[in-house]
Amino acid sequence: MNTKITVKKIAEVSDFFCTHGTDPLVCLLFGGDRGTVCDEVVMLQSGRSILALASISPNGETGKGPGIVGLYVVPKYRKCGYGKHVMEATVRRCIERGFSKVRIDTLSKGAKYIVETLPNELKSVLDVHHSGEVLDMFTGLAPK
């Protein structure tokens, strides 16, 4: 599959949120206040389709510093490495923007794994908070 990374203003991807708005994860990751604090989205695309994305908040959710607020991979593209690819590009974009420390809260096993397997030069920029596997439980993905 021919893919490319693009960076867009969050307002430019409203179609994606409308299309995937019925997915509870999209609502949790990008809805409410979370959507209003973000200004950019880093996306992995194939043609006009978005396969995965992560959002950047220059002031974070609490106003205490920059953060990566959400990481989402379209379900049929999970376990293909796209989440890691987008996360690497998102951290690099944060560095380009001059952010020396970037907060990220991991809410699933997958997100935790992605962050743990990033190259050290990217991990050194992250202020990681592992918040358990709440998204796995919410979506029924947690092991029983």
Protein backbone atom coordinates (compact mmCIF):
# COMPACT_ATOMS: atom_id res chain seq x y z
CA MET A 1 0.00 0.00 0.00
CA ASN A 2 1.37 3.41 -0.97
CA THR A 3 1.19 5.66 2.11
CA LYS A 4 2.37 9.13 3.08
CA ILE A 5 2.53 11.23 6.23
CA THR A 6 0.84 14.63 6.14
CA VAL A 7 0.36 17.37 8.72
CA LYS A 8 -2.82 19.42 8.66
CA LYS A 9 -4.67 21.88 10.82
CA ILE A 10 -7.28 20.03 12.84
CA ALA A 11 -10.12 21.92 11.14
CA GLU A 12 -9.04 20.44 7.80
CA VAL A 13 -9.87 16.88 8.87
CA SER A 14 -13.42 17.40 10.10
CA ASP A 15 -14.68 15.01 7.40
CA PHE A 16 -12.76 12.18 9.05
CA PHE A 17 -14.34 12.88 12.42
CA CYS A 18 -17.80 13.00 10.84
CA THR A 19 -17.21 9.72 9.00
CA HIS A 20 -15.79 7.91 12.03
CA GLY A 21 -17.86 9.73 14.65
CA THR A 22 -19.82 6.60 15.46
CA ASP A 23 -16.64 4.84 16.58
CA PRO A 24 -16.55 5.30 20.36
CA LEU A 25 -12.77 5.65 20.28
CA VAL A 26 -12.96 8.66 17.97
CA CYS A 27 -15.44 10.28 20.34
CA LEU A 28 -13.21 9.57 23.37
CA LEU A 29 -9.93 10.58 21.76
CA PHE A 30 -10.99 13.68 19.87
CA GLY A 31 -14.35 14.79 21.24
CA GLY A 32 -15.26 17.44 23.76
CA ASP A 33 -12.43 19.52 25.20
CA ARG A 34 -9.79 17.30 23.63
CA GLY A 35 -10.74 18.44 20.15
CA THR A 36 -10.66 22.10 21.09
CA VAL A 37 -7.13 22.12 22.54
CA CYS A 38 -5.48 20.59 19.46
CA ASP A 39 -4.24 22.58 16.50
CA GLU A 40 -2.57 20.00 14.25
CA VAL A 41 -3.11 16.43 13.15
CA VAL A 42 -0.39 14.15 11.81
CA MET A 43 -1.93 11.59 9.48
CA LEU A 44 -0.95 8.51 7.57
CA GLN A 45 -2.86 8.46 4.31
CA SER A 46 -3.29 6.18 1.35
CA GLY A 47 -4.71 8.29 -1.44
CA ARG A 48 -7.51 10.30 0.13
CA SER A 49 -8.12 7.79 2.92
CA ILE A 50 -6.82 8.39 6.44
CA LEU A 51 -5.42 5.18 7.94
CA ALA A 52 -4.13 6.59 11.23
CA LEU A 53 -3.73 9.94 12.96
CA ALA A 54 -2.50 11.65 16.10
CA SER A 55 -3.31 15.14 17.35
CA ILE A 56 -1.00 17.76 18.82
CA SER A 57 -1.98 20.26 21.50
CA PRO A 58 0.57 23.09 21.88
CA ASN A 59 -0.57 23.80 25.45
CA GLY A 60 -1.75 20.32 26.40
CA GLU A 61 -5.11 19.42 27.83
CA THR A 62 -4.40 21.25 31.08
CA GLY A 63 -2.54 24.25 29.68
CA LYS A 64 0.73 23.10 31.28
CA GLY A 65 2.71 22.29 28.15
CA PRO A 66 2.50 20.54 24.81
CA GLY A 67 0.98 17.13 24.44
CA ILE A 68 0.00 14.43 22.01
CA VAL A 69 -3.68 14.14 22.80
CA GLY A 70 -4.94 11.25 20.72
CA LEU A 71 -3.68 8.41 18.55
CA TYR A 72 -6.18 6.57 16.38
CA VAL A 73 -5.79 3.82 13.81
CA VAL A 74 -8.76 2.81 11.68
CA PRO A 75 -9.68 -0.69 12.96
CA LYS A 76 -8.97 -2.62 9.76
CA TYR A 77 -5.43 -1.15 9.68
CA ARG A 78 -4.44 -2.02 13.25
CA LYS A 79 -1.48 -4.35 13.87
CA CYS A 80 0.18 -3.12 10.64
CA GLY A 81 2.70 -0.72 12.22
CA TYR A 82 0.74 2.37 11.20
CA GLY A 83 0.23 3.58 14.76
CA LYS A 84 3.96 3.53 15.43
CA HIS A 85 4.67 5.25 12.11
CA VAL A 86 2.23 8.06 12.95
CA MET A 87 3.53 8.37 16.52
CA GLU A 88 7.13 8.70 15.31
CA ALA A 89 6.08 11.38 12.83
CA THR A 90 4.03 13.17 15.50
CA VAL A 91 6.91 13.31 17.98
CA ARG A 92 9.20 14.55 15.19
CA ARG A 93 6.65 17.25 14.35
CA CYS A 94 6.58 18.31 18.00
CA ILE A 95 10.38 18.61 17.94
CA GLU A 96 10.17 20.69 14.72
CA ARG A 97 7.77 23.00 16.51
CA GLY A 98 10.32 23.54 19.28
CA PHE A 99 8.64 21.50 22.02
CA SER A 100 11.37 20.19 24.33
CA LYS A 101 9.04 18.00 26.41
CA VAL A 102 5.74 16.53 25.22
CA ARG A 103 3.21 14.81 27.47
CA ILE A 104 1.46 11.68 26.33
CA ASP A 105 -1.01 9.56 28.28
CA THR A 106 -1.26 5.96 27.13
CA LEU A 107 -4.71 4.47 27.62
CA SER A 108 -4.28 1.10 25.94
CA LYS A 109 -1.80 -1.75 25.66
CA GLY A 110 -1.25 -0.85 22.02
CA ALA A 111 -0.41 2.79 22.74
CA LYS A 112 1.90 1.80 25.59
CA TYR A 113 3.71 -0.66 23.31
CA ILE A 114 4.07 1.94 20.56
CA VAL A 115 5.62 4.47 22.94
CA GLU A 116 7.94 1.88 24.50
CA THR A 117 9.28 0.84 21.09
CA LEU A 118 10.01 4.34 19.78
CA PRO A 119 13.65 5.22 19.09
CA ASN A 120 15.43 6.58 22.18
CA GLU A 121 15.91 10.04 20.67
CA LEU A 122 12.12 10.35 20.41
CA LYS A 123 11.35 8.75 23.78
CA SER A 124 13.66 11.27 25.47
CA VAL A 125 11.29 14.10 24.47
CA LEU A 126 8.21 12.38 25.90
CA ASP A 127 6.73 12.77 29.37
CA VAL A 128 4.86 9.46 29.41
CA HIS A 129 1.97 8.72 31.77
CA HIS A 130 0.71 5.14 31.57
CA SER A 131 -2.94 5.34 32.58
CA GLY A 132 -3.74 1.67 32.37
CA GLU A 133 -5.80 -0.01 29.69
CA VAL A 134 -9.04 1.91 29.99
CA LEU A 135 -9.60 2.06 26.23
CA ASP A 136 -9.04 -1.68 25.90
CA MET A 137 -11.71 -2.29 28.53
CA PHE A 138 -14.06 0.28 27.00
CA THR A 139 -13.90 -1.35 23.58
CA GLY A 140 -13.90 -4.92 24.82
CA LEU A 141 -10.32 -5.49 23.68
CA ALA A 142 -8.90 -6.23 27.13
CA PRO A 143 -8.16 -9.87 27.84
CA LYS A 144 -10.75 -11.57 30.04
